[in-house]
N, C-alpha and C. Protein backbone atom coordinates (compact mmCIF):
# COMPACT_ATOMS: atom_id res chain seq x y z
N MET A 1 3.01 -3.35 -5.32
CA MET A 1 1.82 -4.20 -5.02
C MET A 1 1.05 -4.27 -6.32
N GLY A 2 0.59 -5.51 -6.60
CA GLY A 2 -0.10 -5.46 -7.75
C GLY A 2 -1.50 -5.41 -7.62
N LEU A 3 -2.43 -5.69 -8.86
CA LEU A 3 -3.76 -6.01 -8.84
C LEU A 3 -4.21 -7.11 -9.62
N ALA A 4 -4.92 -8.07 -9.23
CA ALA A 4 -5.49 -9.34 -9.56
C ALA A 4 -6.94 -9.46 -9.39
N ALA A 5 -7.77 -9.91 -10.27
CA ALA A 5 -9.33 -9.80 -10.11
C ALA A 5 -9.73 -11.21 -10.33
N SER A 6 -10.96 -11.67 -9.62
CA SER A 6 -11.43 -13.18 -9.54
C SER A 6 -12.97 -12.94 -9.49
N SER A 7 -13.79 -13.55 -10.28
CA SER A 7 -15.00 -13.48 -10.31
C SER A 7 -15.66 -14.66 -9.34
N ASP A 8 -15.01 -15.34 -8.92
CA ASP A 8 -15.22 -16.59 -7.90
C ASP A 8 -14.64 -16.72 -6.88
N GLY A 9 -13.45 -15.97 -6.86
CA GLY A 9 -12.53 -15.95 -5.55
C GLY A 9 -11.63 -17.26 -5.82
N TYR A 10 -11.84 -18.17 -6.69
CA TYR A 10 -10.63 -19.21 -6.96
C TYR A 10 -10.06 -18.99 -8.10
N HIS A 11 -10.32 -18.57 -9.34
CA HIS A 11 -9.78 -18.57 -10.48
C HIS A 11 -9.27 -16.91 -10.80
N ILE A 12 -8.22 -16.69 -11.30
CA ILE A 12 -7.61 -15.25 -11.51
C ILE A 12 -8.18 -14.97 -13.09
N ASP A 13 -9.22 -14.14 -12.92
CA ASP A 13 -9.74 -13.70 -14.43
C ASP A 13 -8.76 -12.45 -14.91
N GLU A 14 -7.92 -11.65 -14.28
CA GLU A 14 -7.23 -10.60 -14.60
C GLU A 14 -5.94 -10.36 -13.90
N ARG A 15 -4.84 -10.09 -14.14
CA ARG A 15 -3.77 -9.64 -13.28
C ARG A 15 -3.12 -8.69 -14.20
N LEU A 16 -2.81 -7.76 -13.70
CA LEU A 16 -2.03 -6.68 -14.39
C LEU A 16 -0.63 -6.52 -14.52
N PRO A 17 0.08 -6.57 -15.29
CA PRO A 17 1.52 -6.73 -15.93
C PRO A 17 2.40 -6.03 -14.88
N LEU A 18 1.87 -4.78 -14.55
CA LEU A 18 2.96 -3.76 -13.55
C LEU A 18 2.27 -3.37 -12.23
N PRO A 19 2.78 -3.13 -11.46
CA PRO A 19 2.61 -2.78 -10.05
C PRO A 19 1.57 -1.70 -10.22
N VAL A 20 0.77 -1.80 -9.18
CA VAL A 20 -0.13 -0.42 -9.28
C VAL A 20 0.31 0.55 -7.97
N PHE A 21 1.20 -0.31 -7.27
CA PHE A 21 1.80 0.69 -6.27
C PHE A 21 3.25 0.16 -5.97
N SER A 22 4.36 1.22 -5.85
CA SER A 22 5.90 0.83 -5.82
C SER A 22 6.16 1.46 -4.67
N PRO A 23 7.32 1.03 -4.20
CA PRO A 23 8.46 1.83 -3.33
C PRO A 23 8.88 2.89 -3.90
N LEU A 24 8.93 4.20 -3.44
CA LEU A 24 9.39 5.27 -3.93
C LEU A 24 10.67 5.93 -3.24
N ASN A 25 10.78 5.58 -1.86
CA ASN A 25 11.79 6.51 -0.87
C ASN A 25 12.54 5.51 -0.49
N GLU A 26 13.42 6.07 0.60
CA GLU A 26 14.34 5.04 1.41
C GLU A 26 13.78 4.32 2.33
N CYS A 27 12.70 4.62 2.94
CA CYS A 27 12.08 4.04 3.91
C CYS A 27 11.17 2.72 3.09
N GLU A 28 11.26 2.79 2.02
CA GLU A 28 10.47 1.37 1.43
C GLU A 28 11.61 0.79 0.40
N ASN A 29 12.92 1.03 0.40
CA ASN A 29 13.76 0.51 -0.23
C ASN A 29 13.89 -0.84 -0.47
N GLU A 30 13.15 -1.68 0.23
CA GLU A 30 13.22 -3.34 0.47
C GLU A 30 12.05 -3.82 -0.18
N GLY A 31 10.96 -2.94 0.03
CA GLY A 31 9.66 -2.94 -0.63
C GLY A 31 8.41 -2.56 0.29
N CYS A 32 7.47 -2.99 -0.17
CA CYS A 32 5.93 -2.68 0.43
C CYS A 32 5.25 -4.23 0.40
N GLU A 33 4.58 -4.44 1.44
CA GLU A 33 3.52 -5.36 1.68
C GLU A 33 2.26 -5.32 2.38
N ASP A 34 1.36 -6.44 2.55
CA ASP A 34 0.34 -6.46 3.14
C ASP A 34 -0.52 -5.12 3.36
N PRO A 35 -1.01 -4.59 2.04
CA PRO A 35 -1.89 -3.38 1.94
C PRO A 35 -3.22 -3.87 2.37
N ARG A 36 -3.93 -2.74 3.13
CA ARG A 36 -5.35 -2.94 3.73
C ARG A 36 -5.80 -1.60 3.61
N LEU A 37 -7.18 -1.93 2.91
CA LEU A 37 -7.53 -0.77 2.37
C LEU A 37 -9.01 -0.10 2.99
N THR A 38 -9.27 1.04 3.36
CA THR A 38 -10.41 1.62 4.14
C THR A 38 -11.05 2.67 3.26
N LEU A 39 -12.43 2.36 3.28
CA LEU A 39 -13.04 3.32 2.38
C LEU A 39 -13.42 4.87 3.32
N LEU A 40 -13.12 5.80 3.26
CA LEU A 40 -13.25 6.82 4.07
C LEU A 40 -13.39 8.19 2.97
N ASP A 41 -14.86 8.86 3.20
CA ASP A 41 -15.20 9.94 2.47
C ASP A 41 -14.59 9.86 0.97
N GLY A 42 -15.01 8.87 0.13
CA GLY A 42 -14.54 9.05 -1.23
C GLY A 42 -13.35 8.81 -1.35
N SER A 43 -12.33 8.40 -0.40
CA SER A 43 -10.93 7.92 -0.72
C SER A 43 -10.90 6.52 -0.13
N LEU A 44 -9.56 5.93 -0.82
CA LEU A 44 -9.34 4.62 0.13
C LEU A 44 -8.37 4.96 0.64
N ILE A 45 -7.91 4.84 2.00
CA ILE A 45 -6.86 5.01 2.86
C ILE A 45 -6.37 3.79 3.11
N MET A 46 -4.85 3.65 2.55
CA MET A 46 -4.17 2.35 2.45
C MET A 46 -3.34 2.30 3.61
N SER A 47 -3.24 1.17 4.67
CA SER A 47 -2.10 1.15 5.37
C SER A 47 -1.18 -0.04 4.88
N TYR A 48 0.26 0.08 5.15
CA TYR A 48 0.91 -1.01 4.64
C TYR A 48 2.02 -1.29 5.34
N THR A 49 2.81 -2.34 4.97
CA THR A 49 4.22 -2.30 5.91
C THR A 49 5.29 -2.02 4.73
N ALA A 50 6.16 -0.87 5.28
CA ALA A 50 7.27 -0.43 4.45
C ALA A 50 8.38 -0.91 4.80
N PHE A 51 9.14 -1.65 4.04
CA PHE A 51 10.21 -2.29 4.52
C PHE A 51 11.80 -1.49 3.87
N GLY A 52 12.57 -1.19 4.60
CA GLY A 52 13.67 -0.63 4.22
C GLY A 52 14.97 -0.90 4.87
N ILE A 53 16.18 -0.59 4.46
CA ILE A 53 17.48 -0.87 5.05
C ILE A 53 17.95 0.30 5.55
N HIS A 54 18.18 0.60 6.88
CA HIS A 54 18.87 1.85 7.39
C HIS A 54 19.99 1.33 8.14
N SER A 55 21.30 2.01 8.10
CA SER A 55 22.30 1.84 8.88
C SER A 55 22.56 0.28 8.82
N GLN A 56 22.41 -0.27 7.98
CA GLN A 56 22.63 -1.74 7.64
C GLN A 56 21.65 -2.55 8.84
N HIS A 57 20.50 -2.20 9.07
CA HIS A 57 19.63 -2.91 9.58
C HIS A 57 18.47 -2.87 9.06
N ARG A 58 17.73 -3.99 8.96
CA ARG A 58 16.38 -3.86 8.40
C ARG A 58 15.42 -3.56 9.18
N VAL A 59 14.35 -2.37 8.71
CA VAL A 59 13.45 -1.84 9.28
C VAL A 59 12.03 -1.96 8.40
N TYR A 60 11.06 -2.31 9.25
CA TYR A 60 9.80 -2.17 8.92
C TYR A 60 8.74 -1.43 9.63
N GLN A 61 7.93 -0.64 8.83
CA GLN A 61 7.15 0.51 9.77
C GLN A 61 5.64 0.45 9.09
N ILE A 62 4.84 1.19 9.72
CA ILE A 62 3.57 1.15 9.12
C ILE A 62 3.97 2.38 8.19
N GLY A 63 3.18 2.20 6.75
CA GLY A 63 3.19 3.40 6.02
C GLY A 63 1.69 3.60 5.74
N LEU A 64 1.25 4.89 5.34
CA LEU A 64 0.12 5.12 4.70
C LEU A 64 -0.04 6.02 3.63
N THR A 65 -0.91 5.92 2.78
CA THR A 65 -1.18 6.73 1.52
C THR A 65 -2.71 6.64 1.20
N SER A 66 -3.17 7.41 0.13
CA SER A 66 -4.48 7.06 -0.08
C SER A 66 -4.58 7.64 -1.64
N ILE A 67 -5.90 7.26 -2.08
CA ILE A 67 -6.24 7.28 -3.42
C ILE A 67 -7.79 7.35 -3.53
N ASN A 68 -7.98 8.47 -4.67
CA ASN A 68 -9.61 8.68 -4.64
C ASN A 68 -10.27 7.52 -5.21
N VAL A 69 -11.41 7.15 -4.91
CA VAL A 69 -11.84 6.07 -5.37
C VAL A 69 -12.09 6.00 -6.91
N THR A 70 -12.93 7.24 -7.29
CA THR A 70 -12.85 7.52 -8.77
C THR A 70 -11.43 6.76 -9.61
N ASP A 71 -10.51 7.52 -9.13
CA ASP A 71 -9.17 7.17 -9.75
C ASP A 71 -8.70 5.47 -9.47
N PHE A 72 -9.36 5.06 -8.47
CA PHE A 72 -8.98 3.48 -8.12
C PHE A 72 -9.79 2.90 -9.33
N LEU A 73 -10.88 3.25 -9.36
CA LEU A 73 -12.03 2.50 -10.08
C LEU A 73 -11.57 2.58 -11.88
N ALA A 74 -11.06 3.48 -12.03
CA ALA A 74 -10.63 4.06 -13.28
C ALA A 74 -9.12 3.59 -13.85
N ARG A 75 -8.58 3.08 -12.44
CA ARG A 75 -6.99 2.51 -12.58
C ARG A 75 -6.33 3.59 -13.14
N ARG A 76 -6.54 4.54 -12.55
CA ARG A 76 -5.26 5.82 -12.59
C ARG A 76 -4.61 5.78 -11.16
N TRP A 77 -3.47 5.26 -11.09
CA TRP A 77 -2.84 4.81 -10.05
C TRP A 77 -2.17 5.91 -9.26
N GLN A 78 -2.90 7.18 -8.80
CA GLN A 78 -2.43 8.45 -8.38
C GLN A 78 -2.43 8.33 -7.08
N TRP A 79 -1.63 7.84 -6.16
CA TRP A 79 -1.55 7.79 -4.84
C TRP A 79 -1.24 8.82 -4.33
N GLY A 80 -1.78 9.44 -3.15
CA GLY A 80 -1.25 10.46 -2.29
C GLY A 80 0.04 10.34 -1.71
N GLU A 81 0.47 11.37 -0.98
CA GLU A 81 1.51 11.45 -0.17
C GLU A 81 1.68 10.29 0.81
N LYS A 82 2.93 9.48 0.45
CA LYS A 82 3.16 8.53 1.48
C LYS A 82 3.54 9.14 2.94
N LEU A 83 3.09 8.41 3.81
CA LEU A 83 3.43 8.89 5.19
C LEU A 83 3.87 7.78 6.32
N LEU A 84 4.91 7.84 7.00
CA LEU A 84 4.99 6.78 8.03
C LEU A 84 4.49 7.03 9.16
N ALA A 85 3.41 6.21 9.58
CA ALA A 85 2.38 6.75 10.75
C ALA A 85 3.17 6.82 11.87
N PHE A 86 3.97 5.87 12.13
CA PHE A 86 4.76 6.23 13.58
C PHE A 86 6.35 5.81 13.20
N PRO A 87 6.93 6.99 12.78
CA PRO A 87 8.44 6.93 12.48
C PRO A 87 9.15 6.37 13.68
N GLY A 88 10.11 5.36 13.25
CA GLY A 88 11.07 4.77 13.85
C GLY A 88 10.28 3.56 14.89
N ILE A 89 8.98 3.37 14.92
CA ILE A 89 8.49 2.28 15.55
C ILE A 89 8.37 1.02 14.66
N HIS A 90 8.85 0.12 14.87
CA HIS A 90 8.90 -1.24 14.09
C HIS A 90 7.72 -1.87 14.40
N ASN A 91 6.83 -2.09 13.20
CA ASN A 91 5.31 -2.61 13.23
C ASN A 91 5.03 -2.98 12.10
N LYS A 92 4.21 -4.07 11.88
CA LYS A 92 3.55 -4.20 10.69
C LYS A 92 2.25 -4.68 10.77
N ASP A 93 1.53 -4.20 11.40
CA ASP A 93 -0.04 -4.41 11.73
C ASP A 93 -0.56 -2.92 12.01
N ALA A 94 -1.36 -2.67 11.01
CA ALA A 94 -2.07 -1.42 11.03
C ALA A 94 -3.29 -1.82 10.05
N VAL A 95 -4.44 -1.09 10.56
CA VAL A 95 -5.71 -0.86 9.71
C VAL A 95 -6.35 0.33 10.20
N ILE A 96 -7.07 0.91 9.33
CA ILE A 96 -7.70 2.55 9.84
C ILE A 96 -9.30 1.92 9.84
N PHE A 97 -9.84 2.20 10.98
CA PHE A 97 -11.15 2.17 11.12
C PHE A 97 -11.81 3.52 10.74
N PRO A 98 -12.96 3.15 9.93
CA PRO A 98 -14.01 4.50 9.75
C PRO A 98 -14.73 5.04 10.83
């Protein structure tokens, strides 16, 4: 997943050349998409869709991770542990409500 910024919502002012979040494990070997961030106690909690291939079947699951707001704003992409919220459950829709 990448990062782009726009001051008016129409024109891209900046787009980083490298991803700020990348697939790292077997559960995400086909990629990550649809990030949704929620601010909670000084951290951004991110839910996302994790895609993977398991036993020759494409599997999509809800992934969760977090990053400290200070690190996010400073562009230090130090995401926390990646968790599958509901292992084995095929779902693409998740959001965390504070």
